[in-house]
């Protein structure tokens, strides 16, 4: 995770803050980068689902706690057979059986009508 922290007055980056990120009950210290941002690396970020996150910022004698929710990556995708060749084969077979049944039924009706008229 990359964190950009800046002053409200002039939007200048704050390079000398101490930032701790609390995620899923574990505290992770942010490391200051050369470009003025801070980075946090943890395997907790890769876990699926939403998690409460808290940013604890200490700078120039002040402390701020920012709380929120972090949405992790989506869980494993559910497999769908809607477009698979096996599913399409079942649909074709279903239609073929229905058409065959209707064709045989119409032949039977025609045959019964021919016998009744004889």
Protein backbone atom coordinates (compact mmCIF):
# COMPACT_ATOMS: atom_id res chain seq x y z
CA UNK A 1 0.00 0.00 0.00
CA UNK A 2 1.29 3.45 -0.91
CA UNK A 3 0.26 6.36 1.34
CA UNK A 4 0.57 10.00 0.35
CA UNK A 5 0.41 12.45 3.27
CA UNK A 6 0.37 16.19 2.60
CA UNK A 7 -0.26 19.50 4.36
CA UNK A 8 -3.67 21.10 4.02
CA UNK A 9 -2.23 24.63 3.51
CA UNK A 10 -0.05 24.02 0.46
CA UNK A 11 -0.46 20.31 -0.37
CA UNK A 12 3.28 19.78 0.21
CA UNK A 13 4.26 16.24 1.12
CA UNK A 14 4.97 15.49 4.77
CA UNK A 15 8.19 13.52 4.87
CA UNK A 16 8.87 13.22 8.61
CA UNK A 17 5.69 11.65 9.97
CA UNK A 18 5.38 8.33 11.70
CA UNK A 19 2.53 6.28 10.25
CA UNK A 20 1.27 2.98 11.58
CA UNK A 21 -1.43 1.01 9.76
CA UNK A 22 -3.60 -1.33 11.81
CA UNK A 23 -5.15 -3.97 9.56
CA UNK A 24 -6.90 -7.14 10.72
CA UNK A 25 -5.59 -6.60 14.26
CA UNK A 26 -1.92 -6.32 13.26
CA UNK A 27 0.05 -3.07 13.33
CA UNK A 28 2.34 -2.36 10.37
CA UNK A 29 4.83 0.53 10.36
CA UNK A 30 4.91 2.57 7.17
CA UNK A 31 8.33 3.16 5.60
CA UNK A 32 9.14 6.61 4.18
CA UNK A 33 10.06 6.56 0.48
CA UNK A 34 12.30 9.03 -1.38
CA UNK A 35 9.37 10.62 -3.27
CA UNK A 36 7.66 11.71 -0.02
CA UNK A 37 5.20 8.84 0.12
CA UNK A 38 5.05 6.00 2.63
CA UNK A 39 4.70 2.32 1.87
CA UNK A 40 3.37 -0.63 3.82
CA UNK A 41 3.79 -4.21 2.69
CA UNK A 42 1.94 -7.08 4.32
CA UNK A 43 0.33 -10.33 3.21
CA UNK A 44 -2.82 -9.12 5.02
CA UNK A 45 -3.54 -6.87 2.02
CA UNK A 46 -3.96 -9.92 -0.22
CA UNK A 47 -6.68 -11.51 1.92
CA UNK A 48 -10.13 -11.34 0.31
CA UNK A 49 -13.03 -9.35 1.72
CA UNK A 50 -13.46 -6.11 3.60
CA UNK A 51 -11.41 -5.29 6.71
CA UNK A 52 -11.33 -2.43 9.18
CA UNK A 53 -8.22 -0.30 8.78
CA UNK A 54 -6.82 2.44 11.01
CA UNK A 55 -4.08 4.92 10.13
CA UNK A 56 -2.21 6.30 13.16
CA UNK A 57 -0.30 9.41 12.12
CA UNK A 58 2.12 11.25 14.41
CA UNK A 59 3.64 14.45 13.05
CA UNK A 60 4.89 17.73 14.56
CA UNK A 61 3.69 16.85 18.04
CA UNK A 62 0.16 15.93 16.92
CA UNK A 63 -1.50 12.55 16.61
CA UNK A 64 -4.38 11.67 14.29
CA UNK A 65 -6.27 8.40 13.98
CA UNK A 66 -8.10 7.81 10.73
CA UNK A 67 -10.43 4.83 10.51
CA UNK A 68 -12.08 3.23 7.54
CA UNK A 69 -12.71 0.05 5.63
CA UNK A 70 -10.38 -1.51 3.11
CA UNK A 71 -11.85 -3.74 0.42
CA UNK A 72 -9.45 -6.57 -0.33
CA UNK A 73 -9.33 -8.41 -3.63
CA UNK A 74 -12.34 -10.45 -4.61
CA UNK A 75 -12.38 -14.09 -3.55
CA UNK A 76 -11.83 -16.87 -6.03
CA UNK A 77 -14.22 -16.53 -8.90
CA UNK A 78 -17.06 -18.96 -8.95
CA UNK A 79 -16.87 -21.26 -11.91
CA UNK A 80 -19.67 -20.82 -14.36
CA UNK A 81 -20.64 -23.43 -16.91
CA UNK A 82 -22.97 -21.07 -18.79
CA UNK A 83 -20.71 -20.87 -21.84
CA UNK A 84 -18.87 -24.15 -21.66
CA UNK A 85 -19.12 -26.63 -24.50
CA UNK A 86 -20.62 -29.23 -22.18
CA UNK A 87 -23.45 -26.90 -21.19
CA UNK A 88 -24.10 -26.01 -24.83
CA UNK A 89 -24.14 -29.73 -25.69
CA UNK A 90 -26.83 -30.32 -23.04
CA UNK A 91 -28.97 -27.52 -24.49
CA UNK A 92 -28.62 -28.94 -28.02
CA UNK A 93 -29.54 -32.41 -26.78
CA UNK A 94 -32.55 -30.99 -24.89
CA UNK A 95 -33.84 -29.18 -27.99
CA UNK A 96 -33.26 -32.25 -30.18
CA UNK A 97 -35.26 -34.46 -27.82
CA UNK A 98 -38.11 -31.94 -27.66
CA UNK A 99 -38.20 -31.55 -31.45
CA UNK A 100 -38.07 -35.33 -31.91
CA UNK A 101 -40.94 -35.79 -29.45
CA UNK A 102 -43.08 -33.16 -31.21
CA UNK A 103 -42.33 -34.69 -34.63
CA UNK A 104 -43.31 -38.19 -33.44
CA UNK A 105 -46.45 -36.81 -31.77
CA UNK A 106 -47.52 -35.00 -34.95
CA UNK A 107 -46.95 -38.20 -37.00
CA UNK A 108 -49.08 -40.15 -34.52
CA UNK A 109 -51.87 -37.55 -34.72
CA UNK A 110 -51.73 -37.67 -38.54
CA UNK A 111 -51.75 -41.47 -38.51
CA UNK A 112 -54.79 -41.52 -36.15
CA UNK A 113 -56.61 -38.99 -38.39
CA UNK A 114 -55.89 -41.09 -41.50
CA UNK A 115 -57.28 -44.27 -39.81
CA UNK A 116 -60.40 -42.46 -38.63
CA UNK A 117 -61.18 -41.19 -42.13
CA UNK A 118 -60.76 -44.65 -43.73
